[in-house]
PDB file of N, CA and C in Angstrom:
ATOM      1  N   MET A   1       0.849  -1.170   0.000  1.00  0.00           N
ATOM      2  CA  MET A   1       0.000   0.000   0.000  1.00  0.00           C
ATOM      3  C   MET A   1       0.898   1.236   0.000  1.00  0.00           C
ATOM      4  N   ILE A   2       0.575   2.162  -0.856  1.00  0.00           N
ATOM      5  CA  ILE A   2       1.331   3.411  -0.946  1.00  0.00           C
ATOM      6  C   ILE A   2       0.371   4.561  -0.644  1.00  0.00           C
ATOM      7  N   ILE A   3       0.813   5.463   0.209  1.00  0.00           N
ATOM      8  CA  ILE A   3      -0.018   6.575   0.650  1.00  0.00           C
ATOM      9  C   ILE A   3       0.748   7.877   0.514  1.00  0.00           C
ATOM     10  N   THR A   4       0.017   8.991   0.622  1.00  0.00           N
ATOM     11  CA  THR A   4       0.648  10.304   0.627  1.00  0.00           C
ATOM     12  C   THR A   4      -0.073  11.177   1.646  1.00  0.00           C
ATOM     13  N   LEU A   5       0.656  12.061   2.279  1.00  0.00           N
ATOM     14  CA  LEU A   5       0.094  12.983   3.255  1.00  0.00           C
ATOM     15  C   LEU A   5      -0.838  13.939   2.528  1.00  0.00           C
ATOM     16  N   GLN A   6      -2.095  14.040   2.995  1.00  0.00           N
ATOM     17  CA  GLN A   6      -3.102  14.840   2.306  1.00  0.00           C
ATOM     18  C   GLN A   6      -2.842  16.337   2.365  1.00  0.00           C
ATOM     19  N   GLN A   7      -2.318  16.804   3.500  1.00  0.00           N
ATOM     20  CA  GLN A   7      -2.052  18.230   3.645  1.00  0.00           C
ATOM     21  C   GLN A   7      -0.932  18.429   4.659  1.00  0.00           C
ATOM     22  N   PRO A   8      -0.208  19.540   4.562  1.00  0.00           N
ATOM     23  CA  PRO A   8       0.835  19.802   5.555  1.00  0.00           C
ATOM     24  C   PRO A   8       0.203  19.924   6.945  1.00  0.00           C
ATOM     25  N   THR A   9       0.878  19.395   7.935  1.00  0.00           N
ATOM     26  CA  THR A   9       0.378  19.481   9.298  1.00  0.00           C
ATOM     27  C   THR A   9       1.526  19.667  10.277  1.00  0.00           C
ATOM     28  N   PRO A  10       1.461  20.716  11.103  1.00  0.00           N
ATOM     29  CA  PRO A  10       2.529  20.941  12.078  1.00  0.00           C
ATOM     30  C   PRO A  10       2.568  19.876  13.172  1.00  0.00           C
ATOM     31  N   ASN A  11       1.489  19.113  13.314  1.00  0.00           N
ATOM     32  CA  ASN A  11       1.465  18.057  14.330  1.00  0.00           C
ATOM     33  C   ASN A  11       2.359  16.876  13.975  1.00  0.00           C
ATOM     34  N   TYR A  12       2.733  16.779  12.711  1.00  0.00           N
ATOM     35  CA  TYR A  12       3.558  15.662  12.245  1.00  0.00           C
ATOM     36  C   TYR A  12       4.710  16.199  11.388  1.00  0.00           C
ATOM     37  N   PRO A  13       5.677  16.874  12.018  1.00  0.00           N
ATOM     38  CA  PRO A  13       6.781  17.456  11.253  1.00  0.00           C
ATOM     39  C   PRO A  13       7.715  16.424  10.630  1.00  0.00           C
ATOM     40  N   ASP A  14       7.553  15.156  11.007  1.00  0.00           N
ATOM     41  CA  ASP A  14       8.392  14.090  10.462  1.00  0.00           C
ATOM     42  C   ASP A  14       7.795  13.457   9.207  1.00  0.00           C
ATOM     43  N   LEU A  15       6.728  14.081   8.667  1.00  0.00           N
ATOM     44  CA  LEU A  15       6.122  13.655   7.411  1.00  0.00           C
ATOM     45  C   LEU A  15       6.106  14.842   6.456  1.00  0.00           C
ATOM     46  N   THR A  16       6.281  14.564   5.168  1.00  0.00           N
ATOM     47  CA  THR A  16       6.345  15.608   4.148  1.00  0.00           C
ATOM     48  C   THR A  16       5.092  15.564   3.280  1.00  0.00           C
ATOM     49  N   PHE A  17       4.488  16.718   3.092  1.00  0.00           N
ATOM     50  CA  PHE A  17       3.308  16.855   2.245  1.00  0.00           C
ATOM     51  C   PHE A  17       3.611  16.344   0.839  1.00  0.00           C
ATOM     52  N   GLN A  18       2.722  15.513   0.327  1.00  0.00           N
ATOM     53  CA  GLN A  18       2.772  14.913  -1.002  1.00  0.00           C
ATOM     54  C   GLN A  18       3.891  13.888  -1.188  1.00  0.00           C
ATOM     55  N   GLN A  19       4.651  13.600  -0.162  1.00  0.00           N
ATOM     56  CA  GLN A  19       5.653  12.531  -0.223  1.00  0.00           C
ATOM     57  C   GLN A  19       4.916  11.192  -0.198  1.00  0.00           C
ATOM     58  N   GLN A  20       5.345  10.255  -1.001  1.00  0.00           N
ATOM     59  CA  GLN A  20       4.750   8.922  -0.969  1.00  0.00           C
ATOM     60  C   GLN A  20       5.448   8.088   0.091  1.00  0.00           C
ATOM     61  N   TYR A  21       4.653   7.338   0.825  1.00  0.00           N
ATOM     62  CA  TYR A  21       5.151   6.452   1.869  1.00  0.00           C
ATOM     63  C   TYR A  21       4.597   5.053   1.640  1.00  0.00           C
ATOM     64  N   ILE A  22       5.390   4.052   1.935  1.00  0.00           N
ATOM     65  CA  ILE A  22       4.967   2.660   1.835  1.00  0.00           C
ATOM     66  C   ILE A  22       4.492   2.228   3.214  1.00  0.00           C
ATOM     67  N   VAL A  23       3.268   1.729   3.274  1.00  0.00           N
ATOM     68  CA  VAL A  23       2.731   1.241   4.537  1.00  0.00           C
ATOM     69  C   VAL A  23       3.387  -0.106   4.839  1.00  0.00           C
ATOM     70  N   ILE A  24       3.941  -0.208   6.040  1.00  0.00           N
ATOM     71  CA  ILE A  24       4.614  -1.448   6.422  1.00  0.00           C
ATOM     72  C   ILE A  24       3.793  -2.258   7.417  1.00  0.00           C
ATOM     73  N   GLY A  25       2.652  -1.695   7.837  1.00  0.00           N
ATOM     74  CA  GLY A  25       1.762  -2.414   8.734  1.00  0.00           C
ATOM     75  C   GLY A  25       0.577  -1.551   9.121  1.00  0.00           C
ATOM     76  N   ILE A  26      -0.411  -2.201   9.666  1.00  0.00           N
ATOM     77  CA  ILE A  26      -1.616  -1.525  10.148  1.00  0.00           C
ATOM     78  C   ILE A  26      -1.847  -2.009  11.572  1.00  0.00           C
ATOM     79  N   GLU A  27      -2.069  -1.047  12.460  1.00  0.00           N
ATOM     80  CA  GLU A  27      -2.251  -1.390  13.862  1.00  0.00           C
ATOM     81  C   GLU A  27      -3.397  -0.565  14.436  1.00  0.00           C
ATOM     82  N   SER A  28      -4.459  -1.237  14.780  1.00  0.00           N
ATOM     83  CA  SER A  28      -5.662  -0.572  15.288  1.00  0.00           C
ATOM     84  C   SER A  28      -6.113   0.507  14.312  1.00  0.00           C
ATOM     85  N   ASP A  29      -6.061   0.172  13.031  1.00  0.00           N
ATOM     86  CA  ASP A  29      -6.443   1.023  11.898  1.00  0.00           C
ATOM     87  C   ASP A  29      -5.461   2.163  11.623  1.00  0.00           C
ATOM     88  N   ASP A  30      -4.451   2.373  12.470  1.00  0.00           N
ATOM     89  CA  ASP A  30      -3.409   3.354  12.173  1.00  0.00           C
ATOM     90  C   ASP A  30      -2.405   2.715  11.217  1.00  0.00           C
ATOM     91  N   LEU A  31      -1.711   3.558  10.469  1.00  0.00           N
ATOM     92  CA  LEU A  31      -0.760   3.070   9.469  1.00  0.00           C
ATOM     93  C   LEU A  31       0.667   3.237   9.966  1.00  0.00           C
ATOM     94  N   ARG A  32       1.434   2.171   9.862  1.00  0.00           N
ATOM     95  CA  ARG A  32       2.849   2.250  10.247  1.00  0.00           C
ATOM     96  C   ARG A  32       3.659   2.485   8.976  1.00  0.00           C
ATOM     97  N   VAL A  33       4.403   3.592   8.964  1.00  0.00           N
ATOM     98  CA  VAL A  33       5.247   3.943   7.824  1.00  0.00           C
ATOM     99  C   VAL A  33       6.624   4.349   8.333  1.00  0.00           C
ATOM    100  N   LEU A  34       7.599   4.272   7.438  1.00  0.00           N
ATOM    101  CA  LEU A  34       8.907   4.845   7.736  1.00  0.00           C
ATOM    102  C   LEU A  34       8.786   6.344   7.496  1.00  0.00           C
ATOM    103  N   ASN A  35       8.928   7.120   8.545  1.00  0.00           N
ATOM    104  CA  ASN A  35       8.794   8.570   8.388  1.00  0.00           C
ATOM    105  C   ASN A  35      10.067   9.158   7.788  1.00  0.00           C
ATOM    106  N   ASP A  36      10.133  10.487   7.711  1.00  0.00           N
ATOM    107  CA  ASP A  36      11.268  11.154   7.076  1.00  0.00           C
ATOM    108  C   ASP A  36      12.582  10.960   7.838  1.00  0.00           C
ATOM    109  N   HIS A  37      12.495  10.464   9.065  1.00  0.00           N
ATOM    110  CA  HIS A  37      13.694  10.183   9.860  1.00  0.00           C
ATOM    111  C   HIS A  37      14.046   8.702   9.838  1.00  0.00           C
ATOM    112  N   GLY A  38      13.306   7.924   9.016  1.00  0.00           N
ATOM    113  CA  GLY A  38      13.576   6.494   8.904  1.00  0.00           C
ATOM    114  C   GLY A  38      13.067   5.676  10.077  1.00  0.00           C
ATOM    115  N   GLN A  39      12.121   6.228  10.832  1.00  0.00           N
ATOM    116  CA  GLN A  39      11.563   5.524  11.981  1.00  0.00           C
ATOM    117  C   GLN A  39      10.182   4.959  11.643  1.00  0.00           C
ATOM    118  N   PRO A  40       9.893   3.726  12.053  1.00  0.00           N
ATOM    119  CA  PRO A  40       8.616   3.082  11.734  1.00  0.00           C
ATOM    120  C   PRO A  40       7.521   3.453  12.739  1.00  0.00           C
ATOM    121  N   TYR A  41       6.953   4.627  12.591  1.00  0.00           N
ATOM    122  CA  TYR A  41       5.938   5.107  13.519  1.00  0.00           C
ATOM    123  C   TYR A  41       4.526   4.888  12.989  1.00  0.00           C
ATOM    124  N   LEU A  42       3.594   4.896  13.919  1.00  0.00           N
ATOM    125  CA  LEU A  42       2.174   4.797  13.590  1.00  0.00           C
ATOM    126  C   LEU A  42       1.584   6.193  13.429  1.00  0.00           C
ATOM    127  N   TYR A  43       0.708   6.330  12.431  1.00  0.00           N
ATOM    128  CA  TYR A  43       0.032   7.597  12.166  1.00  0.00           C
ATOM    129  C   TYR A  43      -1.438   7.316  11.873  1.00  0.00           C
ATOM    130  N   PRO A  44      -2.315   8.254  12.231  1.00  0.00           N
ATOM    131  CA  PRO A  44      -3.736   8.065  11.922  1.00  0.00           C
ATOM    132  C   PRO A  44      -3.970   7.947  10.420  1.00  0.00           C
ATOM    133  N   HIS A  45      -4.770   6.972  10.037  1.00  0.00           N
ATOM    134  CA  HIS A  45      -5.014   6.753   8.604  1.00  0.00           C
ATOM    135  C   HIS A  45      -5.676   7.953   7.944  1.00  0.00           C
ATOM    136  N   ALA A  46      -6.398   8.753   8.707  1.00  0.00           N
ATOM    137  CA  ALA A  46      -7.108   9.913   8.142  1.00  0.00           C
ATOM    138  C   ALA A  46      -6.165  10.985   7.598  1.00  0.00           C
ATOM    139  N   LEU A  47      -4.889  10.932   7.968  1.00  0.00           N
ATOM    140  CA  LEU A  47      -3.911  11.910   7.467  1.00  0.00           C
ATOM    141  C   LEU A  47      -3.571  11.691   5.997  1.00  0.00           C
ATOM    142  N   PHE A  48      -3.858  10.505   5.491  1.00  0.00           N
ATOM    143  CA  PHE A  48      -3.312  10.098   4.207  1.00  0.00           C
ATOM    144  C   PHE A  48      -4.375   9.864   3.134  1.00  0.00           C
ATOM    145  N   GLU A  49      -3.909   9.990   1.908  1.00  0.00           N
ATOM    146  CA  GLU A  49      -4.669   9.566   0.744  1.00  0.00           C
ATOM    147  C   GLU A  49      -3.996   8.294   0.237  1.00  0.00           C
ATOM    148  N   ILE A  50      -4.783   7.307  -0.126  1.00  0.00           N
ATOM    149  CA  ILE A  50      -4.229   6.056  -0.641  1.00  0.00           C
ATOM    150  C   ILE A  50      -3.937   6.229  -2.126  1.00  0.00           C
ATOM    151  N   ILE A  51      -2.691   5.997  -2.498  1.00  0.00           N
ATOM    152  CA  ILE A  51      -2.253   6.074  -3.897  1.00  0.00           C
ATOM    153  C   ILE A  51      -2.388   4.703  -4.557  1.00  0.00           C
ATOM    154  N   ASP A  52      -2.002   3.668  -3.825  1.00  0.00           N
ATOM    155  CA  ASP A  52      -2.092   2.284  -4.306  1.00  0.00           C
ATOM    156  C   ASP A  52      -2.518   1.423  -3.124  1.00  0.00           C
ATOM    157  N   SER A  53      -3.674   0.811  -3.213  1.00  0.00           N
ATOM    158  CA  SER A  53      -4.218   0.045  -2.086  1.00  0.00           C
ATOM    159  C   SER A  53      -3.724  -1.400  -2.029  1.00  0.00           C
ATOM    160  N   THR A  54      -2.857  -1.774  -2.950  1.00  0.00           N
ATOM    161  CA  THR A  54      -2.345  -3.140  -2.980  1.00  0.00           C
ATOM    162  C   THR A  54      -1.544  -3.437  -1.714  1.00  0.00           C
ATOM    163  N   GLU A  55      -1.926  -4.503  -1.047  1.00  0.00           N
ATOM    164  CA  GLU A  55      -1.211  -4.940   0.156  1.00  0.00           C
ATOM    165  C   GLU A  55      -0.469  -6.235  -0.147  1.00  0.00           C
ATOM    166  N   PRO A  56       0.658  -6.452   0.509  1.00  0.00           N
ATOM    167  CA  PRO A  56       1.380  -7.711   0.306  1.00  0.00           C
ATOM    168  C   PRO A  56       0.490  -8.907   0.651  1.00  0.00           C
ATOM    169  N   GLN A  57       0.583  -9.935  -0.141  1.00  0.00           N
ATOM    170  CA  GLN A  57      -0.254 -11.121   0.060  1.00  0.00           C
ATOM    171  C   GLN A  57       0.107 -11.886   1.324  1.00  0.00           C
ATOM    172  N   ASP A  58       1.306 -11.688   1.833  1.00  0.00           N
ATOM    173  CA  ASP A  58       1.723 -12.463   2.998  1.00  0.00           C
ATOM    174  C   ASP A  58       1.333 -11.820   4.325  1.00  0.00           C
ATOM    175  N   TRP A  59       0.725 -10.646   4.302  1.00  0.00           N
ATOM    176  CA  TRP A  59       0.343 -10.015   5.560  1.00  0.00           C
ATOM    177  C   TRP A  59      -0.633 -10.885   6.335  1.00  0.00           C
ATOM    178  N   VAL A  60      -0.432 -10.924   7.633  1.00  0.00           N
ATOM    179  CA  VAL A  60      -1.350 -11.596   8.545  1.00  0.00           C
ATOM    180  C   VAL A  60      -2.310 -10.525   9.038  1.00  0.00           C
ATOM    181  N   THR A  61      -3.606 -10.721   8.791  1.00  0.00           N
ATOM    182  CA  THR A  61      -4.615  -9.738   9.166  1.00  0.00           C
ATOM    183  C   THR A  61      -5.502 -10.296  10.268  1.00  0.00           C
ATOM    184  N   GLU A  62      -5.718  -9.466  11.289  1.00  0.00           N
ATOM    185  CA  GLU A  62      -6.594  -9.817  12.398  1.00  0.00           C
ATOM    186  C   GLU A  62      -7.464  -8.608  12.706  1.00  0.00           C
ATOM    187  N   PHE A  63      -8.560  -8.850  13.412  1.00  0.00           N
ATOM    188  CA  PHE A  63      -9.459  -7.777  13.812  1.00  0.00           C
ATOM    189  C   PHE A  63      -9.651  -7.823  15.314  1.00  0.00           C
ATOM    190  N   GLY A  64      -9.643  -6.646  15.925  1.00  0.00           N
ATOM    191  CA  GLY A  64      -9.855  -6.545  17.360  1.00  0.00           C
ATOM    192  C   GLY A  64     -11.325  -6.637  17.719  1.00  0.00           C
ATOM    193  N   ASP A  65     -11.602  -6.553  18.996  1.00  0.00           N
ATOM    194  CA  ASP A  65     -12.967  -6.681  19.498  1.00  0.00           C
ATOM    195  C   ASP A  65     -13.911  -5.614  18.953  1.00  0.00           C
ATOM    196  N   ASP A  66     -13.377  -4.447  18.632  1.00  0.00           N
ATOM    197  CA  ASP A  66     -14.202  -3.355  18.108  1.00  0.00           C
ATOM    198  C   ASP A  66     -14.112  -3.245  16.585  1.00  0.00           C
ATOM    199  N   GLY A  67     -13.572  -4.280  15.937  1.00  0.00           N
ATOM    200  CA  GLY A  67     -13.491  -4.296  14.488  1.00  0.00           C
ATOM    201  C   GLY A  67     -12.263  -3.608  13.923  1.00  0.00           C
ATOM    202  N   GLU A  68     -11.379  -3.110  14.795  1.00  0.00           N
ATOM    203  CA  GLU A  68     -10.165  -2.459  14.306  1.00  0.00           C
ATOM    204  C   GLU A  68      -9.240  -3.502  13.683  1.00  0.00           C
ATOM    205  N   ARG A  69      -8.524  -3.059  12.675  1.00  0.00           N
ATOM    206  CA  ARG A  69      -7.713  -3.973  11.876  1.00  0.00           C
ATOM    207  C   ARG A  69      -6.245  -3.920  12.280  1.00  0.00           C
ATOM    208  N   TYR A  70      -5.628  -5.083  12.246  1.00  0.00           N
ATOM    209  CA  TYR A  70      -4.195  -5.249  12.477  1.00  0.00           C
ATOM    210  C   TYR A  70      -3.667  -6.083  11.319  1.00  0.00           C
ATOM    211  N   ALA A  71      -2.596  -5.631  10.676  1.00  0.00           N
ATOM    212  CA  ALA A  71      -2.031  -6.389   9.557  1.00  0.00           C
ATOM    213  C   ALA A  71      -0.535  -6.112   9.473  1.00  0.00           C
ATOM    214  N   TYR A  72       0.241  -7.165   9.450  1.00  0.00           N
ATOM    215  CA  TYR A  72       1.693  -7.061   9.362  1.00  0.00           C
ATOM    216  C   TYR A  72       2.247  -8.255   8.605  1.00  0.00           C
ATOM    217  N   PRO A  73       3.464  -8.113   8.078  1.00  0.00           N
ATOM    218  CA  PRO A  73       4.156  -9.292   7.566  1.00  0.00           C
ATOM    219  C   PRO A  73       4.353 -10.280   8.725  1.00  0.00           C
ATOM    220  N   PRO A  74       4.370 -11.566   8.452  1.00  0.00           N
ATOM    221  CA  PRO A  74       4.468 -12.557   9.528  1.00  0.00           C
ATOM    222  C   PRO A  74       5.621 -12.303  10.502  1.00  0.00           C
ATOM    223  N   ALA A  75       6.780 -11.932  10.013  1.00  0.00           N
ATOM    224  CA  ALA A  75       7.939 -11.758  10.893  1.00  0.00           C
ATOM    225  C   ALA A  75       7.789 -10.575  11.847  1.00  0.00           C
ATOM    226  N   LEU A  76       6.915  -9.622  11.518  1.00  0.00           N
ATOM    227  CA  LEU A  76       6.702  -8.449  12.375  1.00  0.00           C
ATOM    228  C   LEU A  76       5.414  -8.570  13.182  1.00  0.00           C
ATOM    229  N   ASN A  77       4.712  -9.665  13.024  1.00  0.00           N
ATOM    230  CA  ASN A  77       3.387  -9.840  13.611  1.00  0.00           C
ATOM    231  C   ASN A  77       3.429 -10.642  14.900  1.00  0.00           C
ATOM    232  N   THR A  78       4.315 -10.272  15.799  1.00  0.00           N
ATOM    233  CA  THR A  78       4.372 -10.936  17.090  1.00  0.00           C
ATOM    234  C   THR A  78       4.155  -9.891  18.181  1.00  0.00           C
ATOM    235  N   PRO A  79       3.462 -10.265  19.243  1.00  0.00           N
ATOM    236  CA  PRO A  79       3.238  -9.303  20.325  1.00  0.00           C
ATOM    237  C   PRO A  79       4.557  -8.752  20.850  1.00  0.00           C
ATOM    238  N   GLY A  80       4.617  -7.452  20.977  1.00  0.00           N
ATOM    239  CA  GLY A  80       5.811  -6.803  21.517  1.00  0.00           C
ATOM    240  C   GLY A  80       6.928  -6.583  20.526  1.00  0.00           C
ATOM    241  N   PHE A  81       6.705  -6.918  19.251  1.00  0.00           N
ATOM    242  CA  PHE A  81       7.802  -6.787  18.286  1.00  0.00           C
ATOM    243  C   PHE A  81       8.337  -5.361  18.228  1.00  0.00           C
ATOM    244  N   PHE A  82       7.455  -4.382  18.086  1.00  0.00           N
ATOM    245  CA  PHE A  82       7.945  -3.011  17.932  1.00  0.00           C
ATOM    246  C   PHE A  82       8.478  -2.441  19.237  1.00  0.00           C
ATOM    247  N   GLU A  83       8.008  -2.924  20.363  1.00  0.00           N
ATOM    248  CA  GLU A  83       8.628  -2.540  21.631  1.00  0.00           C
ATOM    249  C   GLU A  83      10.079  -3.011  21.650  1.00  0.00           C
ATOM    250  N   ASP A  84      10.285  -4.266  21.211  1.00  0.00           N
ATOM    251  CA  ASP A  84      11.655  -4.796  21.132  1.00  0.00           C
ATOM    252  C   ASP A  84      12.492  -3.991  20.141  1.00  0.00           C
ATOM    253  N   PHE A  85      11.900  -3.647  19.007  1.00  0.00           N
ATOM    254  CA  PHE A  85      12.622  -2.862  18.009  1.00  0.00           C
ATOM    255  C   PHE A  85      13.077  -1.528  18.602  1.00  0.00           C
ATOM    256  N   PHE A  86      12.159  -0.811  19.234  1.00  0.00           N
ATOM    257  CA  PHE A  86      12.507   0.494  19.791  1.00  0.00           C
ATOM    258  C   PHE A  86      13.399   0.397  21.027  1.00  0.00           C
ATOM    259  N   ASP A  87      13.454  -0.779  21.650  1.00  0.00           N
ATOM    260  CA  ASP A  87      14.401  -1.018  22.743  1.00  0.00           C
ATOM    261  C   ASP A  87      15.758  -1.464  22.212  1.00  0.00           C
ATOM    262  N   ALA A  88      15.901  -1.457  20.879  1.00  0.00           N
ATOM    263  CA  ALA A  88      17.151  -1.815  20.195  1.00  0.00           C
ATOM    264  C   ALA A  88      17.551  -3.276  20.415  1.00  0.00           C
ATOM    265  N   ASN A  89      16.549  -4.145  20.542  1.00  0.00           N
ATOM    266  CA  ASN A  89      16.824  -5.569  20.596  1.00  0.00           C
ATOM    267  C   ASN A  89      17.421  -5.974  19.250  1.00  0.00           C
ATOM    268  N   LYS A  90      18.628  -6.516  19.292  1.00  0.00           N
ATOM    269  CA  LYS A  90      19.374  -6.804  18.061  1.00  0.00           C
ATOM    270  C   LYS A  90      18.589  -7.683  17.086  1.00  0.00           C
ATOM    271  N   GLN A  91      17.963  -8.737  17.589  1.00  0.00           N
ATOM    272  CA  GLN A  91      17.219  -9.644  16.711  1.00  0.00           C
ATOM    273  C   GLN A  91      16.030  -8.932  16.071  1.00  0.00           C
ATOM    274  N   ALA A  92      15.316  -8.125  16.840  1.00  0.00           N
ATOM    275  CA  ALA A  92      14.165  -7.398  16.306  1.00  0.00           C
ATOM    276  C   ALA A  92      14.603  -6.387  15.252  1.00  0.00           C
ATOM    277  N   VAL A  93      15.690  -5.690  15.512  1.00  0.00           N
ATOM    278  CA  VAL A  93      16.188  -4.691  14.550  1.00  0.00           C
ATOM    279  C   VAL A  93      16.608  -5.373  13.251  1.00  0.00           C
ATOM    280  N   MET A  94      17.333  -6.474  13.355  1.00  0.00           N
ATOM    281  CA  MET A  94      17.771  -7.197  12.157  1.00  0.00           C
ATOM    282  C   MET A  94      16.570  -7.738  11.381  1.00  0.00           C
ATOM    283  N   THR A  95      15.603  -8.302  12.082  1.00  0.00           N
ATOM    284  CA  THR A  95      14.404  -8.828  11.431  1.00  0.00           C
ATOM    285  C   THR A  95      13.645  -7.713  10.730  1.00  0.00           C
ATOM    286  N   PHE A  96      13.464  -6.586  11.414  1.00  0.00           N
ATOM    287  CA  PHE A  96      12.737  -5.465  10.835  1.00  0.00           C
ATOM    288  C   PHE A  96      13.372  -5.020   9.529  1.00  0.00           C
ATOM    289  N   TRP A  97      14.666  -4.758   9.537  1.00  0.00           N
ATOM    290  CA  TRP A  97      15.313  -4.233   8.334  1.00  0.00           C
ATOM    291  C   TRP A  97      15.368  -5.259   7.209  1.00  0.00           C
ATOM    292  N   ARG A  98      15.461  -6.532   7.544  1.00  0.00           N
ATOM    293  CA  ARG A  98      15.412  -7.579   6.512  1.00  0.00           C
ATOM    294  C   ARG A  98      14.046  -7.554   5.828  1.00  0.00           C
ATOM    295  N   VAL A  99      12.978  -7.520   6.611  1.00  0.00           N
ATOM    296  CA  VAL A  99      11.624  -7.512   6.063  1.00  0.00           C
ATOM    297  C   VAL A  99      11.376  -6.244   5.258  1.00  0.00           C
ATOM    298  N   ILE A 100      11.790  -5.099   5.781  1.00  0.00           N
ATOM    299  CA  ILE A 100      11.557  -3.826   5.096  1.00  0.00           C
ATOM    300  C   ILE A 100      12.337  -3.764   3.787  1.00  0.00           C
ATOM    301  N   ASN A 101      13.573  -4.200   3.801  1.00  0.00           N
ATOM    302  CA  ASN A 101      14.358  -4.195   2.563  1.00  0.00           C
ATOM    303  C   ASN A 101      13.728  -5.092   1.506  1.00  0.00           C
ATOM    304  N   GLN A 102      13.228  -6.253   1.906  1.00  0.00           N
ATOM    305  CA  GLN A 102      12.552  -7.133   0.957  1.00  0.00           C
ATOM    306  C   GLN A 102      11.298  -6.465   0.394  1.00  0.00           C
ATOM    307  N   ARG A 103      10.572  -5.773   1.248  1.00  0.00           N
ATOM    308  CA  ARG A 103       9.343  -5.090   0.802  1.00  0.00           C
ATOM    309  C   ARG A 103       9.673  -3.956  -0.154  1.00  0.00           C
ATOM    310  N   LEU A 104      10.689  -3.184   0.144  1.00  0.00           N
ATOM    311  CA  LEU A 104      11.073  -2.080  -0.727  1.00  0.00           C
ATOM    312  C   LEU A 104      11.521  -2.586  -2.097  1.00  0.00           C
ATOM    313  N   VAL A 105      12.247  -3.684  -2.124  1.00  0.00           N
ATOM    314  CA  VAL A 105      12.662  -4.272  -3.400  1.00  0.00           C
ATOM    315  C   VAL A 105      11.437  -4.701  -4.192  1.00  0.00           C
ATOM    316  N   ALA A 106      10.461  -5.304  -3.525  1.00  0.00           N
ATOM    317  CA  ALA A 106       9.245  -5.755  -4.205  1.00  0.00           C
ATOM    318  C   ALA A 106       8.470  -4.562  -4.780  1.00  0.00           C
ATOM    319  N   VAL A 107       8.369  -3.480  -4.019  1.00  0.00           N
ATOM    320  CA  VAL A 107       7.668  -2.298  -4.507  1.00  0.00           C
ATOM    321  C   VAL A 107       8.387  -1.697  -5.702  1.00  0.00           C
ATOM    322  N   MET A 108       9.688  -1.637  -5.647  1.00  0.00           N
ATOM    323  CA  MET A 108      10.465  -1.080  -6.766  1.00  0.00           C
ATOM    324  C   MET A 108      10.310  -1.954  -8.013  1.00  0.00           C
ATOM    325  N   ALA A 109      10.256  -3.256  -7.835  1.00  0.00           N
ATOM    326  CA  ALA A 109      10.090  -4.154  -8.978  1.00  0.00           C
ATOM    327  C   ALA A 109       8.707  -3.955  -9.622  1.00  0.00           C
ATOM    328  N   GLN A 110       7.678  -3.728  -8.804  1.00  0.00           N
ATOM    329  CA  GLN A 110       6.341  -3.473  -9.341  1.00  0.00           C
ATOM    330  C   GLN A 110       6.301  -2.173 -10.122  1.00  0.00           C
ATOM    331  N   ALA A 111       7.064  -1.185  -9.677  1.00  0.00           N
ATOM    332  CA  ALA A 111       7.042   0.125 -10.312  1.00  0.00           C
ATOM    333  C   ALA A 111       7.800   0.119 -11.648  1.00  0.00           C
ATOM    334  N   ALA A 112       8.729  -0.829 -11.799  1.00  0.00           N
ATOM    335  CA  ALA A 112       9.551  -0.865 -13.030  1.00  0.00           C
ATOM    336  C   ALA A 112       8.816  -1.410 -14.213  1.00  0.00           C
TER     337      ALA A 112
END
């Protein structure tokens, strides 16, 4: 899925207006993207316009009790994964970048 920020917003200075971002996961309907600082943060989906709604076929999708959606690649779809990543757990960091690099290569191949 490829999205773009709909309008400039001072609340999110780490995102650039009209910049395209690749969604790397969905958590409680929020979108996880690599922001302009290269950090995988969650942002409200309402901030974005969807440019390409295609999602990777390998994503594991689940729904919460209130119907909120969660979707991640299998390797990132474990409880506490992003807590471990932000705590600089070596295995989590290596797994994250391996998965992200594979996803970026796949997106670039689709665009070619």
